[in-house]
C-alpha cells in the first residue's frame, strides 16, 4: 500500500501546485480524533490512485503559515487541487466513498 506523503511550506508548491496529477491535501492535526480515523482511508486511497492522483498531508500545527494560506479553520479539511488550483473542499471526515468519487471524477476528467 502506498503511504501518504507529508508536505509543508517548503515543498507544497512542488508537490501540490506544480503536480501534473490531481492532489488531495489532508490538513490535519495529531491531536484530532477524526483526523486519526481518516488516516487509514487516505492510505488506502493513495494506493488505489497511485500514478493517477496524489494524496498528501499537511500537519497544521507544524505548518501554521500554510494552514492560514489555505484558510483551514477546522480539522480535518480536505482540499482537492488540480493544475495548481483548489477545485473542491470538504471539512470533516467524509465517508471513503465520497473521497473516492471526488478523486475518480477528476482522474477521469483529466484523462479525457
N, C-alpha and C. Protein backbone atom coordinates (compact mmCIF):
# COMPACT_ATOMS: atom_id res chain seq x y z
N UNK A 1 0.85 -1.18 0.00
CA UNK A 1 0.00 0.00 0.00
C UNK A 1 0.89 1.24 0.00
N UNK A 2 0.57 2.19 -0.82
CA UNK A 2 1.34 3.44 -0.91
C UNK A 2 1.02 4.30 0.31
N UNK A 3 2.05 4.87 0.89
CA UNK A 3 1.81 5.73 2.05
C UNK A 3 1.61 7.17 1.59
N UNK A 4 0.91 7.89 2.41
CA UNK A 4 0.60 9.29 2.13
C UNK A 4 1.84 10.12 2.46
N UNK A 5 2.21 11.00 1.55
CA UNK A 5 3.37 11.87 1.74
C UNK A 5 2.99 13.08 2.58
N UNK A 6 3.90 13.50 3.45
CA UNK A 6 3.69 14.72 4.23
C UNK A 6 4.34 15.88 3.49
N UNK A 7 3.62 16.99 3.41
CA UNK A 7 4.16 18.20 2.78
C UNK A 7 4.09 19.36 3.76
N UNK A 8 4.89 20.38 3.50
CA UNK A 8 4.92 21.57 4.36
C UNK A 8 5.17 22.79 3.48
N UNK A 9 5.46 23.92 4.13
CA UNK A 9 5.67 25.16 3.37
C UNK A 9 6.76 25.02 2.32
N UNK A 10 7.81 24.26 2.62
CA UNK A 10 8.96 24.21 1.71
C UNK A 10 8.70 23.37 0.46
N UNK A 11 7.81 22.39 0.52
CA UNK A 11 7.60 21.56 -0.68
C UNK A 11 6.16 21.56 -1.19
N UNK A 12 5.30 22.40 -0.63
CA UNK A 12 3.90 22.43 -1.06
C UNK A 12 3.78 22.82 -2.53
N UNK A 13 4.51 23.83 -2.96
CA UNK A 13 4.43 24.27 -4.35
C UNK A 13 4.84 23.15 -5.30
N UNK A 14 5.97 22.51 -5.04
CA UNK A 14 6.44 21.47 -5.97
C UNK A 14 5.57 20.22 -5.93
N UNK A 15 5.11 19.83 -4.75
CA UNK A 15 4.36 18.58 -4.63
C UNK A 15 2.87 18.72 -4.94
N UNK A 16 2.32 19.91 -4.73
CA UNK A 16 0.87 20.10 -4.91
C UNK A 16 0.58 21.03 -6.08
N UNK A 17 1.02 22.26 -5.99
CA UNK A 17 0.65 23.25 -7.00
C UNK A 17 1.24 22.95 -8.38
N UNK A 18 2.44 22.38 -8.42
CA UNK A 18 3.08 22.07 -9.71
C UNK A 18 2.85 20.64 -10.16
N UNK A 19 2.03 19.89 -9.46
CA UNK A 19 1.79 18.49 -9.81
C UNK A 19 0.98 18.38 -11.10
N UNK A 20 1.34 17.41 -11.92
CA UNK A 20 0.58 17.15 -13.15
C UNK A 20 -0.66 16.31 -12.87
N UNK A 21 -0.75 15.77 -11.67
CA UNK A 21 -1.89 14.95 -11.27
C UNK A 21 -2.77 15.73 -10.28
N UNK A 22 -4.05 15.36 -10.17
CA UNK A 22 -4.87 15.91 -9.09
C UNK A 22 -4.24 15.53 -7.74
N UNK A 23 -4.34 16.43 -6.76
CA UNK A 23 -3.74 16.18 -5.44
C UNK A 23 -4.79 16.45 -4.37
N UNK A 24 -5.04 15.44 -3.53
CA UNK A 24 -5.93 15.59 -2.38
C UNK A 24 -5.05 15.90 -1.18
N UNK A 25 -5.27 17.07 -0.57
CA UNK A 25 -4.47 17.52 0.57
C UNK A 25 -5.31 17.37 1.83
N UNK A 26 -4.80 16.59 2.78
CA UNK A 26 -5.44 16.41 4.08
C UNK A 26 -4.77 17.33 5.08
N UNK A 27 -5.48 18.36 5.53
CA UNK A 27 -4.97 19.26 6.55
C UNK A 27 -5.43 18.70 7.90
N UNK A 28 -4.47 18.26 8.70
CA UNK A 28 -4.79 17.52 9.92
C UNK A 28 -3.97 18.03 11.10
N UNK A 29 -4.33 17.52 12.28
CA UNK A 29 -3.54 17.76 13.49
C UNK A 29 -3.41 16.42 14.22
N UNK A 30 -2.27 16.22 14.86
CA UNK A 30 -2.01 14.97 15.57
C UNK A 30 -3.05 14.70 16.66
N UNK A 31 -3.55 15.77 17.29
CA UNK A 31 -4.48 15.63 18.41
C UNK A 31 -5.93 15.45 17.97
N UNK A 32 -6.19 15.49 16.68
CA UNK A 32 -7.56 15.46 16.14
C UNK A 32 -8.03 14.01 15.95
N UNK A 33 -9.04 13.60 16.72
CA UNK A 33 -9.57 12.24 16.62
C UNK A 33 -10.09 11.88 15.24
N UNK A 34 -10.97 12.70 14.64
CA UNK A 34 -11.45 12.38 13.30
C UNK A 34 -10.32 12.30 12.27
N UNK A 35 -9.26 13.09 12.46
CA UNK A 35 -8.11 13.03 11.55
C UNK A 35 -7.44 11.66 11.63
N UNK A 36 -7.29 11.16 12.85
CA UNK A 36 -6.66 9.84 13.03
C UNK A 36 -7.53 8.75 12.43
N UNK A 37 -8.85 8.88 12.55
CA UNK A 37 -9.75 7.87 11.97
C UNK A 37 -9.69 7.89 10.44
N UNK A 38 -9.44 9.05 9.86
CA UNK A 38 -9.40 9.21 8.42
C UNK A 38 -8.08 8.70 7.81
N UNK A 39 -7.05 8.62 8.61
CA UNK A 39 -5.72 8.28 8.11
C UNK A 39 -5.66 6.96 7.32
N UNK A 40 -6.24 5.85 7.82
CA UNK A 40 -6.19 4.60 7.03
C UNK A 40 -6.96 4.70 5.72
N UNK A 41 -8.01 5.50 5.70
CA UNK A 41 -8.79 5.70 4.46
C UNK A 41 -7.91 6.40 3.43
N UNK A 42 -7.16 7.41 3.86
CA UNK A 42 -6.29 8.14 2.95
C UNK A 42 -5.15 7.26 2.45
N UNK A 43 -4.62 6.40 3.33
CA UNK A 43 -3.59 5.45 2.89
C UNK A 43 -4.14 4.53 1.80
N UNK A 44 -5.36 4.06 2.00
CA UNK A 44 -5.99 3.18 1.01
C UNK A 44 -6.19 3.91 -0.32
N UNK A 45 -6.69 5.13 -0.27
CA UNK A 45 -6.90 5.91 -1.49
C UNK A 45 -5.59 6.21 -2.20
N UNK A 46 -4.53 6.49 -1.44
CA UNK A 46 -3.22 6.74 -2.04
C UNK A 46 -2.78 5.53 -2.84
N UNK A 47 -3.04 4.33 -2.31
CA UNK A 47 -2.70 3.11 -3.04
C UNK A 47 -3.58 2.90 -4.26
N UNK A 48 -4.87 3.12 -4.11
CA UNK A 48 -5.81 2.93 -5.22
C UNK A 48 -5.53 3.87 -6.39
N UNK A 49 -5.15 5.10 -6.08
CA UNK A 49 -4.98 6.12 -7.12
C UNK A 49 -3.52 6.36 -7.48
N UNK A 50 -2.61 5.52 -6.99
CA UNK A 50 -1.18 5.69 -7.28
C UNK A 50 -0.96 5.79 -8.79
N UNK A 51 -0.22 6.80 -9.19
CA UNK A 51 0.06 7.01 -10.61
C UNK A 51 -0.99 7.84 -11.32
N UNK A 52 -2.15 8.05 -10.66
CA UNK A 52 -3.24 8.83 -11.28
C UNK A 52 -3.57 10.08 -10.49
N UNK A 53 -3.36 10.03 -9.19
CA UNK A 53 -3.61 11.17 -8.30
C UNK A 53 -2.73 10.99 -7.07
N UNK A 54 -2.47 12.09 -6.38
CA UNK A 54 -1.66 12.04 -5.17
C UNK A 54 -2.51 12.38 -3.96
N UNK A 55 -2.15 11.78 -2.84
CA UNK A 55 -2.77 12.11 -1.56
C UNK A 55 -1.63 12.54 -0.64
N UNK A 56 -1.73 13.76 -0.10
CA UNK A 56 -0.69 14.27 0.79
C UNK A 56 -1.33 14.83 2.05
N UNK A 57 -0.49 15.00 3.09
CA UNK A 57 -0.96 15.52 4.37
C UNK A 57 -0.17 16.76 4.75
N UNK A 58 -0.86 17.69 5.38
CA UNK A 58 -0.23 18.88 5.96
C UNK A 58 -0.58 18.90 7.44
N UNK A 59 0.43 18.82 8.30
CA UNK A 59 0.22 18.95 9.74
C UNK A 59 0.08 20.44 10.04
N UNK A 60 -1.13 20.87 10.37
CA UNK A 60 -1.39 22.30 10.53
C UNK A 60 -0.62 22.91 11.70
N UNK A 61 -0.30 22.11 12.71
CA UNK A 61 0.46 22.63 13.84
C UNK A 61 1.93 22.86 13.46
N UNK A 62 2.44 22.09 12.51
CA UNK A 62 3.82 22.23 12.06
C UNK A 62 3.94 23.24 10.91
N UNK A 63 2.84 23.51 10.23
CA UNK A 63 2.84 24.40 9.05
C UNK A 63 1.74 25.46 9.20
N UNK A 64 1.86 26.27 10.24
CA UNK A 64 0.82 27.26 10.54
C UNK A 64 0.59 28.25 9.40
N UNK A 65 1.66 28.73 8.79
CA UNK A 65 1.51 29.71 7.70
C UNK A 65 0.80 29.09 6.50
N UNK A 66 1.13 27.85 6.19
CA UNK A 66 0.47 27.16 5.08
C UNK A 66 -1.01 26.94 5.41
N UNK A 67 -1.30 26.53 6.63
CA UNK A 67 -2.70 26.33 7.04
C UNK A 67 -3.49 27.64 6.91
N UNK A 68 -2.88 28.75 7.30
CA UNK A 68 -3.54 30.05 7.15
C UNK A 68 -3.76 30.38 5.68
N UNK A 69 -2.74 30.16 4.87
CA UNK A 69 -2.85 30.47 3.43
C UNK A 69 -3.94 29.63 2.77
N UNK A 70 -4.15 28.41 3.28
CA UNK A 70 -5.18 27.52 2.73
C UNK A 70 -6.54 27.77 3.38
N UNK A 71 -6.61 28.70 4.31
CA UNK A 71 -7.86 29.05 5.01
C UNK A 71 -8.45 27.84 5.74
N UNK A 72 -7.58 27.10 6.42
CA UNK A 72 -8.02 25.94 7.20
C UNK A 72 -8.50 26.45 8.55
N UNK A 73 -9.77 26.19 8.85
CA UNK A 73 -10.35 26.65 10.11
C UNK A 73 -10.78 25.51 11.02
N UNK A 74 -10.87 24.29 10.48
CA UNK A 74 -11.25 23.12 11.27
C UNK A 74 -10.54 21.91 10.68
N UNK A 75 -10.37 20.89 11.49
CA UNK A 75 -9.72 19.68 11.03
C UNK A 75 -10.65 18.48 11.19
N UNK A 76 -10.56 17.54 10.28
CA UNK A 76 -9.73 17.61 9.07
C UNK A 76 -10.39 18.48 8.01
N UNK A 77 -9.56 19.11 7.19
CA UNK A 77 -10.01 19.80 5.99
C UNK A 77 -9.30 19.13 4.83
N UNK A 78 -10.07 18.67 3.86
CA UNK A 78 -9.51 18.01 2.68
C UNK A 78 -9.73 18.92 1.48
N UNK A 79 -8.65 19.23 0.79
CA UNK A 79 -8.71 20.15 -0.35
C UNK A 79 -8.17 19.42 -1.58
N UNK A 80 -8.94 19.45 -2.64
CA UNK A 80 -8.52 18.83 -3.89
C UNK A 80 -7.99 19.91 -4.82
N UNK A 81 -6.76 19.73 -5.27
CA UNK A 81 -6.11 20.66 -6.21
C UNK A 81 -5.95 19.98 -7.56
N UNK A 82 -6.10 20.77 -8.61
CA UNK A 82 -5.81 20.30 -9.96
C UNK A 82 -5.25 21.48 -10.74
N UNK A 83 -4.14 21.25 -11.43
CA UNK A 83 -3.48 22.31 -12.19
C UNK A 83 -3.18 23.53 -11.32
N UNK A 84 -2.78 23.28 -10.07
CA UNK A 84 -2.38 24.36 -9.18
C UNK A 84 -3.51 25.14 -8.54
N UNK A 85 -4.75 24.72 -8.77
CA UNK A 85 -5.91 25.44 -8.23
C UNK A 85 -6.75 24.54 -7.34
N UNK A 86 -7.34 25.13 -6.31
CA UNK A 86 -8.29 24.41 -5.48
C UNK A 86 -9.57 24.22 -6.29
N UNK A 87 -10.03 22.96 -6.37
CA UNK A 87 -11.26 22.70 -7.13
C UNK A 87 -12.36 22.09 -6.27
N UNK A 88 -12.02 21.64 -5.07
CA UNK A 88 -13.03 21.08 -4.17
C UNK A 88 -12.48 21.12 -2.75
N UNK A 89 -13.40 21.14 -1.77
CA UNK A 89 -13.01 21.19 -0.36
C UNK A 89 -14.09 20.51 0.47
N UNK A 90 -13.64 19.73 1.45
CA UNK A 90 -14.54 19.07 2.39
C UNK A 90 -13.98 19.30 3.79
N UNK A 91 -14.83 19.76 4.69
CA UNK A 91 -14.43 19.92 6.09
C UNK A 91 -15.10 18.82 6.89
N UNK A 92 -14.31 18.13 7.71
CA UNK A 92 -14.82 16.99 8.46
C UNK A 92 -14.27 15.71 7.86
N UNK A 93 -14.75 14.59 8.38
CA UNK A 93 -14.28 13.28 7.93
C UNK A 93 -15.36 12.61 7.11
N UNK A 94 -15.35 12.80 5.79
CA UNK A 94 -16.38 12.21 4.94
C UNK A 94 -16.16 10.71 4.78
N UNK A 95 -17.19 9.99 4.35
CA UNK A 95 -17.01 8.56 4.09
C UNK A 95 -16.00 8.34 2.96
N UNK A 96 -15.34 7.20 3.00
CA UNK A 96 -14.34 6.86 1.97
C UNK A 96 -14.95 6.95 0.57
N UNK A 97 -16.19 6.52 0.42
CA UNK A 97 -16.84 6.53 -0.90
C UNK A 97 -16.93 7.94 -1.46
N UNK A 98 -17.17 8.93 -0.60
CA UNK A 98 -17.25 10.32 -1.06
C UNK A 98 -15.90 10.79 -1.61
N UNK A 99 -14.84 10.50 -0.87
CA UNK A 99 -13.50 10.90 -1.32
C UNK A 99 -13.11 10.16 -2.59
N UNK A 100 -13.46 8.90 -2.67
CA UNK A 100 -13.17 8.10 -3.87
C UNK A 100 -13.85 8.70 -5.09
N UNK A 101 -15.14 9.07 -4.95
CA UNK A 101 -15.87 9.69 -6.07
C UNK A 101 -15.25 11.02 -6.46
N UNK A 102 -14.86 11.79 -5.45
CA UNK A 102 -14.23 13.09 -5.69
C UNK A 102 -12.97 12.91 -6.55
N UNK A 103 -12.12 11.98 -6.15
CA UNK A 103 -10.88 11.73 -6.89
C UNK A 103 -11.17 11.12 -8.26
N UNK A 104 -12.06 10.15 -8.29
CA UNK A 104 -12.36 9.45 -9.54
C UNK A 104 -12.85 10.42 -10.61
N UNK A 105 -13.69 11.37 -10.22
CA UNK A 105 -14.23 12.32 -11.20
C UNK A 105 -13.13 13.19 -11.79
N UNK A 106 -12.14 13.55 -11.00
CA UNK A 106 -11.05 14.39 -11.50
C UNK A 106 -10.04 13.58 -12.30
N UNK A 107 -9.78 12.36 -11.88
CA UNK A 107 -8.85 11.50 -12.62
C UNK A 107 -9.44 11.19 -13.99
N UNK A 108 -10.73 10.88 -14.03
CA UNK A 108 -11.41 10.58 -15.29
C UNK A 108 -11.43 11.81 -16.18
N UNK A 109 -11.73 12.97 -15.59
CA UNK A 109 -11.81 14.21 -16.36
C UNK A 109 -10.44 14.60 -16.92
N UNK A 110 -9.37 14.40 -16.15
CA UNK A 110 -8.05 14.79 -16.63
C UNK A 110 -7.50 13.81 -17.65
N UNK A 111 -8.04 12.59 -17.68
CA UNK A 111 -7.58 11.59 -18.65
C UNK A 111 -8.22 11.79 -20.01
N UNK A 112 -9.36 12.48 -20.05
CA UNK A 112 -10.06 12.63 -21.34
C UNK A 112 -9.67 13.90 -22.06
